[in-house]
Amino acid sequence: MTDDEINGIVSELLRKRFADIGFERSTVESEEDFDGSSILRITAHFKQGEVPSVRLINALHEIRSELINRGEDRFVFLDRAVPHDELVDEDEE
């Protein structure tokens, strides 16, 4: 599956799970891990606030199960991002 196809699936799942806490969008990137295996790095972007770890873990399991059902067997990493996580360029201060 392509990153865009995967992101379509992931975005729908995350929107359902996290609509109540400001889910905005997701991004998917294919990468290689430390030993050269292909992995998927998914980032869930939120408008603000805290994202409970247990909810992220449950979402990761749901994403992984859905992707396996569709024939995608790469290992999945799920990260979260909120606006205050982004670094501010020193020139902008």
PDB file of N, CA and C in Angstrom:
ATOM      1  N   MET A   1       0.834  -1.178   0.000  1.00  0.00           N
ATOM      2  CA  MET A   1       0.000   0.000   0.000  1.00  0.00           C
ATOM      3  C   MET A   1       0.883   1.247   0.000  1.00  0.00           C
ATOM      4  N   THR A   2       0.380   2.306  -0.594  1.00  0.00           N
ATOM      5  CA  THR A   2       1.126   3.560  -0.596  1.00  0.00           C
ATOM      6  C   THR A   2       0.871   4.314   0.709  1.00  0.00           C
ATOM      7  N   ASP A   3       1.731   5.276   0.988  1.00  0.00           N
ATOM      8  CA  ASP A   3       1.549   6.095   2.186  1.00  0.00           C
ATOM      9  C   ASP A   3       0.208   6.819   2.146  1.00  0.00           C
ATOM     10  N   ASP A   4      -0.194   7.307   0.979  1.00  0.00           N
ATOM     11  CA  ASP A   4      -1.475   8.014   0.853  1.00  0.00           C
ATOM     12  C   ASP A   4      -2.661   7.082   1.120  1.00  0.00           C
ATOM     13  N   GLU A   5      -2.606   5.861   0.611  1.00  0.00           N
ATOM     14  CA  GLU A   5      -3.680   4.893   0.872  1.00  0.00           C
ATOM     15  C   GLU A   5      -3.768   4.581   2.368  1.00  0.00           C
ATOM     16  N   ILE A   6      -2.616   4.382   2.976  1.00  0.00           N
ATOM     17  CA  ILE A   6      -2.570   4.087   4.408  1.00  0.00           C
ATOM     18  C   ILE A   6      -3.092   5.276   5.202  1.00  0.00           C
ATOM     19  N   ASN A   7      -2.705   6.470   4.803  1.00  0.00           N
ATOM     20  CA  ASN A   7      -3.151   7.659   5.520  1.00  0.00           C
ATOM     21  C   ASN A   7      -4.671   7.825   5.447  1.00  0.00           C
ATOM     22  N   GLY A   8      -5.277   7.455   4.348  1.00  0.00           N
ATOM     23  CA  GLY A   8      -6.730   7.511   4.252  1.00  0.00           C
ATOM     24  C   GLY A   8      -7.401   6.635   5.288  1.00  0.00           C
ATOM     25  N   ILE A   9      -6.886   5.435   5.453  1.00  0.00           N
ATOM     26  CA  ILE A   9      -7.422   4.489   6.447  1.00  0.00           C
ATOM     27  C   ILE A   9      -7.162   5.003   7.856  1.00  0.00           C
ATOM     28  N   VAL A  10      -5.929   5.403   8.105  1.00  0.00           N
ATOM     29  CA  VAL A  10      -5.516   5.863   9.426  1.00  0.00           C
ATOM     30  C   VAL A  10      -6.290   7.109   9.836  1.00  0.00           C
ATOM     31  N   SER A  11      -6.406   8.049   8.939  1.00  0.00           N
ATOM     32  CA  SER A  11      -7.094   9.297   9.244  1.00  0.00           C
ATOM     33  C   SER A  11      -8.539   9.049   9.667  1.00  0.00           C
ATOM     34  N   GLU A  12      -9.207   8.158   8.982  1.00  0.00           N
ATOM     35  CA  GLU A  12     -10.596   7.835   9.326  1.00  0.00           C
ATOM     36  C   GLU A  12     -10.681   7.215  10.727  1.00  0.00           C
ATOM     37  N   LEU A  13      -9.793   6.275  11.010  1.00  0.00           N
ATOM     38  CA  LEU A  13      -9.792   5.631  12.328  1.00  0.00           C
ATOM     39  C   LEU A  13      -9.492   6.639  13.439  1.00  0.00           C
ATOM     40  N   LEU A  14      -8.488   7.480  13.217  1.00  0.00           N
ATOM     41  CA  LEU A  14      -8.102   8.446  14.241  1.00  0.00           C
ATOM     42  C   LEU A  14      -9.174   9.512  14.441  1.00  0.00           C
ATOM     43  N   ARG A  15      -9.815   9.928  13.366  1.00  0.00           N
ATOM     44  CA  ARG A  15     -10.874  10.934  13.475  1.00  0.00           C
ATOM     45  C   ARG A  15     -12.010  10.409  14.372  1.00  0.00           C
ATOM     46  N   LYS A  16     -12.363   9.135  14.205  1.00  0.00           N
ATOM     47  CA  LYS A  16     -13.414   8.539  15.033  1.00  0.00           C
ATOM     48  C   LYS A  16     -12.986   8.452  16.499  1.00  0.00           C
ATOM     49  N   ARG A  17     -11.741   8.078  16.737  1.00  0.00           N
ATOM     50  CA  ARG A  17     -11.262   7.869  18.102  1.00  0.00           C
ATOM     51  C   ARG A  17     -10.987   9.166  18.857  1.00  0.00           C
ATOM     52  N   PHE A  18     -10.561  10.200  18.128  1.00  0.00           N
ATOM     53  CA  PHE A  18     -10.053  11.393  18.803  1.00  0.00           C
ATOM     54  C   PHE A  18     -10.774  12.689  18.436  1.00  0.00           C
ATOM     55  N   ALA A  19     -11.941  12.609  17.863  1.00  0.00           N
ATOM     56  CA  ALA A  19     -12.692  13.818  17.502  1.00  0.00           C
ATOM     57  C   ALA A  19     -12.957  14.682  18.736  1.00  0.00           C
ATOM     58  N   ASP A  20     -13.139  14.043  19.866  1.00  0.00           N
ATOM     59  CA  ASP A  20     -13.468  14.774  21.094  1.00  0.00           C
ATOM     60  C   ASP A  20     -12.293  15.533  21.698  1.00  0.00           C
ATOM     61  N   ILE A  21     -11.080  15.281  21.235  1.00  0.00           N
ATOM     62  CA  ILE A  21      -9.920  15.985  21.801  1.00  0.00           C
ATOM     63  C   ILE A  21      -9.114  16.726  20.734  1.00  0.00           C
ATOM     64  N   GLY A  22      -9.761  17.076  19.640  1.00  0.00           N
ATOM     65  CA  GLY A  22      -9.141  17.980  18.685  1.00  0.00           C
ATOM     66  C   GLY A  22      -8.222  17.370  17.639  1.00  0.00           C
ATOM     67  N   PHE A  23      -8.516  16.153  17.197  1.00  0.00           N
ATOM     68  CA  PHE A  23      -7.727  15.562  16.113  1.00  0.00           C
ATOM     69  C   PHE A  23      -7.890  16.407  14.858  1.00  0.00           C
ATOM     70  N   GLU A  24      -6.756  16.755  14.205  1.00  0.00           N
ATOM     71  CA  GLU A  24      -6.778  17.553  12.983  1.00  0.00           C
ATOM     72  C   GLU A  24      -6.507  16.730  11.741  1.00  0.00           C
ATOM     73  N   ARG A  25      -5.400  15.994  11.768  1.00  0.00           N
ATOM     74  CA  ARG A  25      -4.977  15.261  10.577  1.00  0.00           C
ATOM     75  C   ARG A  25      -3.906  14.247  10.977  1.00  0.00           C
ATOM     76  N   SER A  26      -3.585  13.392  10.035  1.00  0.00           N
ATOM     77  CA  SER A  26      -2.487  12.445  10.251  1.00  0.00           C
ATOM     78  C   SER A  26      -1.536  12.519   9.074  1.00  0.00           C
ATOM     79  N   THR A  27      -0.310  12.104   9.323  1.00  0.00           N
ATOM     80  CA  THR A  27       0.672  11.962   8.260  1.00  0.00           C
ATOM     81  C   THR A  27       1.276  10.570   8.365  1.00  0.00           C
ATOM     82  N   VAL A  28       1.650  10.012   7.222  1.00  0.00           N
ATOM     83  CA  VAL A  28       2.251   8.682   7.166  1.00  0.00           C
ATOM     84  C   VAL A  28       3.525   8.772   6.351  1.00  0.00           C
ATOM     85  N   GLU A  29       4.599   8.211   6.886  1.00  0.00           N
ATOM     86  CA  GLU A  29       5.871   8.164   6.175  1.00  0.00           C
ATOM     87  C   GLU A  29       6.443   6.761   6.254  1.00  0.00           C
ATOM     88  N   SER A  30       6.840   6.237   5.111  1.00  0.00           N
ATOM     89  CA  SER A  30       7.554   4.962   5.072  1.00  0.00           C
ATOM     90  C   SER A  30       9.017   5.245   5.387  1.00  0.00           C
ATOM     91  N   GLU A  31       9.575   4.458   6.283  1.00  0.00           N
ATOM     92  CA  GLU A  31      10.965   4.623   6.694  1.00  0.00           C
ATOM     93  C   GLU A  31      11.601   3.255   6.867  1.00  0.00           C
ATOM     94  N   GLU A  32      12.892   3.279   7.161  1.00  0.00           N
ATOM     95  CA  GLU A  32      13.603   2.055   7.529  1.00  0.00           C
ATOM     96  C   GLU A  32      14.011   2.173   8.981  1.00  0.00           C
ATOM     97  N   ASP A  33      13.897   1.063   9.715  1.00  0.00           N
ATOM     98  CA  ASP A  33      14.337   1.087  11.100  1.00  0.00           C
ATOM     99  C   ASP A  33      15.836   0.840  11.172  1.00  0.00           C
ATOM    100  N   PHE A  34      16.354   0.666  12.372  1.00  0.00           N
ATOM    101  CA  PHE A  34      17.786   0.543  12.600  1.00  0.00           C
ATOM    102  C   PHE A  34      18.432  -0.646  11.888  1.00  0.00           C
ATOM    103  N   ASP A  35      17.659  -1.684  11.585  1.00  0.00           N
ATOM    104  CA  ASP A  35      18.246  -2.845  10.911  1.00  0.00           C
ATOM    105  C   ASP A  35      17.814  -2.961   9.447  1.00  0.00           C
ATOM    106  N   GLY A  36      17.244  -1.880   8.910  1.00  0.00           N
ATOM    107  CA  GLY A  36      16.900  -1.847   7.495  1.00  0.00           C
ATOM    108  C   GLY A  36      15.518  -2.359   7.136  1.00  0.00           C
ATOM    109  N   SER A  37      14.712  -2.723   8.130  1.00  0.00           N
ATOM    110  CA  SER A  37      13.351  -3.184   7.863  1.00  0.00           C
ATOM    111  C   SER A  37      12.451  -1.978   7.582  1.00  0.00           C
ATOM    112  N   SER A  38      11.525  -2.176   6.666  1.00  0.00           N
ATOM    113  CA  SER A  38      10.583  -1.115   6.322  1.00  0.00           C
ATOM    114  C   SER A  38       9.527  -0.968   7.418  1.00  0.00           C
ATOM    115  N   ILE A  39       9.280   0.271   7.839  1.00  0.00           N
ATOM    116  CA  ILE A  39       8.293   0.567   8.871  1.00  0.00           C
ATOM    117  C   ILE A  39       7.395   1.708   8.401  1.00  0.00           C
ATOM    118  N   LEU A  40       6.323   1.931   9.142  1.00  0.00           N
ATOM    119  CA  LEU A  40       5.438   3.071   8.906  1.00  0.00           C
ATOM    120  C   LEU A  40       5.473   3.963  10.132  1.00  0.00           C
ATOM    121  N   ARG A  41       5.751   5.244   9.919  1.00  0.00           N
ATOM    122  CA  ARG A  41       5.716   6.208  11.006  1.00  0.00           C
ATOM    123  C   ARG A  41       4.494   7.099  10.796  1.00  0.00           C
ATOM    124  N   ILE A  42       3.546   6.972  11.706  1.00  0.00           N
ATOM    125  CA  ILE A  42       2.304   7.722  11.631  1.00  0.00           C
ATOM    126  C   ILE A  42       2.331   8.789  12.717  1.00  0.00           C
ATOM    127  N   THR A  43       1.979  10.003  12.335  1.00  0.00           N
ATOM    128  CA  THR A  43       1.876  11.086  13.306  1.00  0.00           C
ATOM    129  C   THR A  43       0.444  11.611  13.301  1.00  0.00           C
ATOM    130  N   ALA A  44      -0.160  11.618  14.471  1.00  0.00           N
ATOM    131  CA  ALA A  44      -1.503  12.173  14.652  1.00  0.00           C
ATOM    132  C   ALA A  44      -1.336  13.600  15.151  1.00  0.00           C
ATOM    133  N   HIS A  45      -1.857  14.549  14.400  1.00  0.00           N
ATOM    134  CA  HIS A  45      -1.737  15.964  14.738  1.00  0.00           C
ATOM    135  C   HIS A  45      -3.015  16.430  15.423  1.00  0.00           C
ATOM    136  N   PHE A  46      -2.844  17.088  16.576  1.00  0.00           N
ATOM    137  CA  PHE A  46      -3.960  17.574  17.369  1.00  0.00           C
ATOM    138  C   PHE A  46      -3.894  19.092  17.484  1.00  0.00           C
ATOM    139  N   LYS A  47      -5.059  19.721  17.629  1.00  0.00           N
ATOM    140  CA  LYS A  47      -5.139  21.177  17.749  1.00  0.00           C
ATOM    141  C   LYS A  47      -4.483  21.666  19.028  1.00  0.00           C
ATOM    142  N   GLN A  48      -4.707  20.939  20.107  1.00  0.00           N
ATOM    143  CA  GLN A  48      -4.187  21.352  21.408  1.00  0.00           C
ATOM    144  C   GLN A  48      -4.405  20.247  22.420  1.00  0.00           C
ATOM    145  N   GLY A  49      -3.884  20.463  23.604  1.00  0.00           N
ATOM    146  CA  GLY A  49      -4.217  19.608  24.725  1.00  0.00           C
ATOM    147  C   GLY A  49      -3.432  18.320  24.844  1.00  0.00           C
ATOM    148  N   GLU A  50      -3.803  17.609  25.871  1.00  0.00           N
ATOM    149  CA  GLU A  50      -3.167  16.340  26.191  1.00  0.00           C
ATOM    150  C   GLU A  50      -3.871  15.196  25.464  1.00  0.00           C
ATOM    151  N   VAL A  51      -3.084  14.216  25.107  1.00  0.00           N
ATOM    152  CA  VAL A  51      -3.615  13.020  24.466  1.00  0.00           C
ATOM    153  C   VAL A  51      -3.235  11.838  25.368  1.00  0.00           C
ATOM    154  N   PRO A  52      -4.222  11.209  25.996  1.00  0.00           N
ATOM    155  CA  PRO A  52      -3.926  10.098  26.908  1.00  0.00           C
ATOM    156  C   PRO A  52      -3.198   8.952  26.198  1.00  0.00           C
ATOM    157  N   SER A  53      -2.118   8.514  26.812  1.00  0.00           N
ATOM    158  CA  SER A  53      -1.297   7.446  26.238  1.00  0.00           C
ATOM    159  C   SER A  53      -2.084   6.178  25.977  1.00  0.00           C
ATOM    160  N   VAL A  54      -2.961   5.824  26.903  1.00  0.00           N
ATOM    161  CA  VAL A  54      -3.726   4.586  26.734  1.00  0.00           C
ATOM    162  C   VAL A  54      -4.596   4.658  25.473  1.00  0.00           C
ATOM    163  N   ARG A  55      -5.116   5.836  25.167  1.00  0.00           N
ATOM    164  CA  ARG A  55      -5.930   5.985  23.954  1.00  0.00           C
ATOM    165  C   ARG A  55      -5.067   5.864  22.708  1.00  0.00           C
ATOM    166  N   LEU A  56      -3.845   6.383  22.755  1.00  0.00           N
ATOM    167  CA  LEU A  56      -2.931   6.224  21.617  1.00  0.00           C
ATOM    168  C   LEU A  56      -2.562   4.762  21.407  1.00  0.00           C
ATOM    169  N   ILE A  57      -2.316   4.059  22.492  1.00  0.00           N
ATOM    170  CA  ILE A  57      -1.963   2.639  22.400  1.00  0.00           C
ATOM    171  C   ILE A  57      -3.117   1.845  21.793  1.00  0.00           C
ATOM    172  N   ASN A  58      -4.327   2.112  22.248  1.00  0.00           N
ATOM    173  CA  ASN A  58      -5.492   1.418  21.689  1.00  0.00           C
ATOM    174  C   ASN A  58      -5.675   1.749  20.211  1.00  0.00           C
ATOM    175  N   ALA A  59      -5.446   3.003  19.844  1.00  0.00           N
ATOM    176  CA  ALA A  59      -5.546   3.396  18.435  1.00  0.00           C
ATOM    177  C   ALA A  59      -4.487   2.685  17.598  1.00  0.00           C
ATOM    178  N   LEU A  60      -3.285   2.572  18.134  1.00  0.00           N
ATOM    179  CA  LEU A  60      -2.220   1.866  17.425  1.00  0.00           C
ATOM    180  C   LEU A  60      -2.615   0.423  17.146  1.00  0.00           C
ATOM    181  N   HIS A  61      -3.191  -0.248  18.125  1.00  0.00           N
ATOM    182  CA  HIS A  61      -3.633  -1.635  17.926  1.00  0.00           C
ATOM    183  C   HIS A  61      -4.714  -1.726  16.849  1.00  0.00           C
ATOM    184  N   GLU A  62      -5.634  -0.780  16.860  1.00  0.00           N
ATOM    185  CA  GLU A  62      -6.693  -0.778  15.854  1.00  0.00           C
ATOM    186  C   GLU A  62      -6.127  -0.524  14.458  1.00  0.00           C
ATOM    187  N   ILE A  63      -5.207   0.431  14.350  1.00  0.00           N
ATOM    188  CA  ILE A  63      -4.573   0.731  13.063  1.00  0.00           C
ATOM    189  C   ILE A  63      -3.836  -0.495  12.552  1.00  0.00           C
ATOM    190  N   ARG A  64      -3.032  -1.080  13.400  1.00  0.00           N
ATOM    191  CA  ARG A  64      -2.229  -2.257  13.010  1.00  0.00           C
ATOM    192  C   ARG A  64      -3.133  -3.394  12.542  1.00  0.00           C
ATOM    193  N   SER A  65      -4.198  -3.673  13.278  1.00  0.00           N
ATOM    194  CA  SER A  65      -5.123  -4.747  12.902  1.00  0.00           C
ATOM    195  C   SER A  65      -5.773  -4.468  11.550  1.00  0.00           C
ATOM    196  N   GLU A  66      -6.212  -3.240  11.352  1.00  0.00           N
ATOM    197  CA  GLU A  66      -6.864  -2.881  10.093  1.00  0.00           C
ATOM    198  C   GLU A  66      -5.891  -2.995   8.918  1.00  0.00           C
ATOM    199  N   LEU A  67      -4.671  -2.545   9.106  1.00  0.00           N
ATOM    200  CA  LEU A  67      -3.686  -2.626   8.023  1.00  0.00           C
ATOM    201  C   LEU A  67      -3.324  -4.082   7.707  1.00  0.00           C
ATOM    202  N   ILE A  68      -3.196  -4.909   8.728  1.00  0.00           N
ATOM    203  CA  ILE A  68      -2.919  -6.336   8.494  1.00  0.00           C
ATOM    204  C   ILE A  68      -4.068  -6.966   7.712  1.00  0.00           C
ATOM    205  N   ASN A  69      -5.303  -6.632   8.078  1.00  0.00           N
ATOM    206  CA  ASN A  69      -6.467  -7.160   7.356  1.00  0.00           C
ATOM    207  C   ASN A  69      -6.453  -6.769   5.888  1.00  0.00           C
ATOM    208  N   ARG A  70      -5.801  -5.670   5.572  1.00  0.00           N
ATOM    209  CA  ARG A  70      -5.729  -5.190   4.187  1.00  0.00           C
ATOM    210  C   ARG A  70      -4.424  -5.592   3.494  1.00  0.00           C
ATOM    211  N   GLY A  71      -3.629  -6.433   4.168  1.00  0.00           N
ATOM    212  CA  GLY A  71      -2.430  -6.967   3.544  1.00  0.00           C
ATOM    213  C   GLY A  71      -1.155  -6.180   3.801  1.00  0.00           C
ATOM    214  N   GLU A  72      -1.217  -5.186   4.670  1.00  0.00           N
ATOM    215  CA  GLU A  72      -0.035  -4.363   4.993  1.00  0.00           C
ATOM    216  C   GLU A  72       0.586  -4.895   6.274  1.00  0.00           C
ATOM    217  N   ASP A  73       1.832  -5.411   6.175  1.00  0.00           N
ATOM    218  CA  ASP A  73       2.422  -6.056   7.345  1.00  0.00           C
ATOM    219  C   ASP A  73       3.596  -5.299   7.960  1.00  0.00           C
ATOM    220  N   ARG A  74       3.858  -4.088   7.508  1.00  0.00           N
ATOM    221  CA  ARG A  74       4.963  -3.320   8.104  1.00  0.00           C
ATOM    222  C   ARG A  74       4.625  -2.913   9.542  1.00  0.00           C
ATOM    223  N   PHE A  75       5.667  -2.840  10.357  1.00  0.00           N
ATOM    224  CA  PHE A  75       5.504  -2.420  11.741  1.00  0.00           C
ATOM    225  C   PHE A  75       5.106  -0.952  11.764  1.00  0.00           C
ATOM    226  N   VAL A  76       4.238  -0.569  12.702  1.00  0.00           N
ATOM    227  CA  VAL A  76       3.702   0.785  12.775  1.00  0.00           C
ATOM    228  C   VAL A  76       4.159   1.471  14.056  1.00  0.00           C
ATOM    229  N   PHE A  77       4.655   2.699  13.907  1.00  0.00           N
ATOM    230  CA  PHE A  77       4.931   3.576  15.036  1.00  0.00           C
ATOM    231  C   PHE A  77       3.899   4.692  14.981  1.00  0.00           C
ATOM    232  N   LEU A  78       3.300   5.022  16.116  1.00  0.00           N
ATOM    233  CA  LEU A  78       2.313   6.092  16.186  1.00  0.00           C
ATOM    234  C   LEU A  78       2.804   7.144  17.161  1.00  0.00           C
ATOM    235  N   ASP A  79       2.962   8.354  16.654  1.00  0.00           N
ATOM    236  CA  ASP A  79       3.364   9.501  17.463  1.00  0.00           C
ATOM    237  C   ASP A  79       2.230  10.506  17.469  1.00  0.00           C
ATOM    238  N   ARG A  80       2.299  11.450  18.401  1.00  0.00           N
ATOM    239  CA  ARG A  80       1.323  12.524  18.416  1.00  0.00           C
ATOM    240  C   ARG A  80       2.063  13.851  18.358  1.00  0.00           C
ATOM    241  N   ALA A  81       1.399  14.846  17.796  1.00  0.00           N
ATOM    242  CA  ALA A  81       1.974  16.188  17.724  1.00  0.00           C
ATOM    243  C   ALA A  81       0.888  17.202  18.042  1.00  0.00           C
ATOM    244  N   VAL A  82       1.249  18.163  18.868  1.00  0.00           N
ATOM    245  CA  VAL A  82       0.370  19.292  19.159  1.00  0.00           C
ATOM    246  C   VAL A  82       1.172  20.555  18.894  1.00  0.00           C
ATOM    247  N   PRO A  83       0.518  21.682  18.660  1.00  0.00           N
ATOM    248  CA  PRO A  83       1.248  22.890  18.270  1.00  0.00           C
ATOM    249  C   PRO A  83       2.408  23.269  19.176  1.00  0.00           C
ATOM    250  N   HIS A  84       2.284  23.117  20.483  1.00  0.00           N
ATOM    251  CA  HIS A  84       3.398  23.514  21.362  1.00  0.00           C
ATOM    252  C   HIS A  84       4.595  22.578  21.268  1.00  0.00           C
ATOM    253  N   ASP A  85       4.447  21.430  20.586  1.00  0.00           N
ATOM    254  CA  ASP A  85       5.571  20.514  20.375  1.00  0.00           C
ATOM    255  C   ASP A  85       6.526  21.033  19.311  1.00  0.00           C
ATOM    256  N   GLU A  86       6.015  21.868  18.411  1.00  0.00           N
ATOM    257  CA  GLU A  86       6.829  22.345  17.299  1.00  0.00           C
ATOM    258  C   GLU A  86       7.843  23.361  17.812  1.00  0.00           C
ATOM    259  N   LEU A  87       9.053  23.271  17.288  1.00  0.00           N
ATOM    260  CA  LEU A  87      10.111  24.179  17.694  1.00  0.00           C
ATOM    261  C   LEU A  87       9.898  25.549  17.073  1.00  0.00           C
ATOM    262  N   VAL A  88      10.224  26.568  17.841  1.00  0.00           N
ATOM    263  CA  VAL A  88      10.144  27.931  17.338  1.00  0.00           C
ATOM    264  C   VAL A  88      11.502  28.320  16.812  1.00  0.00           C
ATOM    265  N   ASP A  89      11.538  28.845  15.603  1.00  0.00           N
ATOM    266  CA  ASP A  89      12.779  29.315  15.007  1.00  0.00           C
ATOM    267  C   ASP A  89      13.278  30.505  15.825  1.00  0.00           C
ATOM    268  N   GLU A  90      14.559  30.493  16.209  1.00  0.00           N
ATOM    269  CA  GLU A  90      15.101  31.558  17.037  1.00  0.00           C
ATOM    270  C   GLU A  90      14.956  32.929  16.379  1.00  0.00           C
ATOM    271  N   ASP A  91      14.973  32.985  15.058  1.00  0.00           N
ATOM    272  CA  ASP A  91      14.829  34.255  14.357  1.00  0.00           C
ATOM    273  C   ASP A  91      13.437  34.851  14.517  1.00  0.00           C
ATOM    274  N   GLU A  92      12.463  34.027  14.874  1.00  0.00           N
ATOM    275  CA  GLU A  92      11.093  34.496  15.009  1.00  0.00           C
ATOM    276  C   GLU A  92      10.821  35.079  16.389  1.00  0.00           C
ATOM    277  N   GLU A  93      11.705  34.864  17.324  1.00  0.00           N
ATOM    278  CA  GLU A  93      11.473  35.345  18.686  1.00  0.00           C
ATOM    279  C   GLU A  93      11.702  36.830  18.824  1.00  0.00           C
TER     280      GLU A  93
END
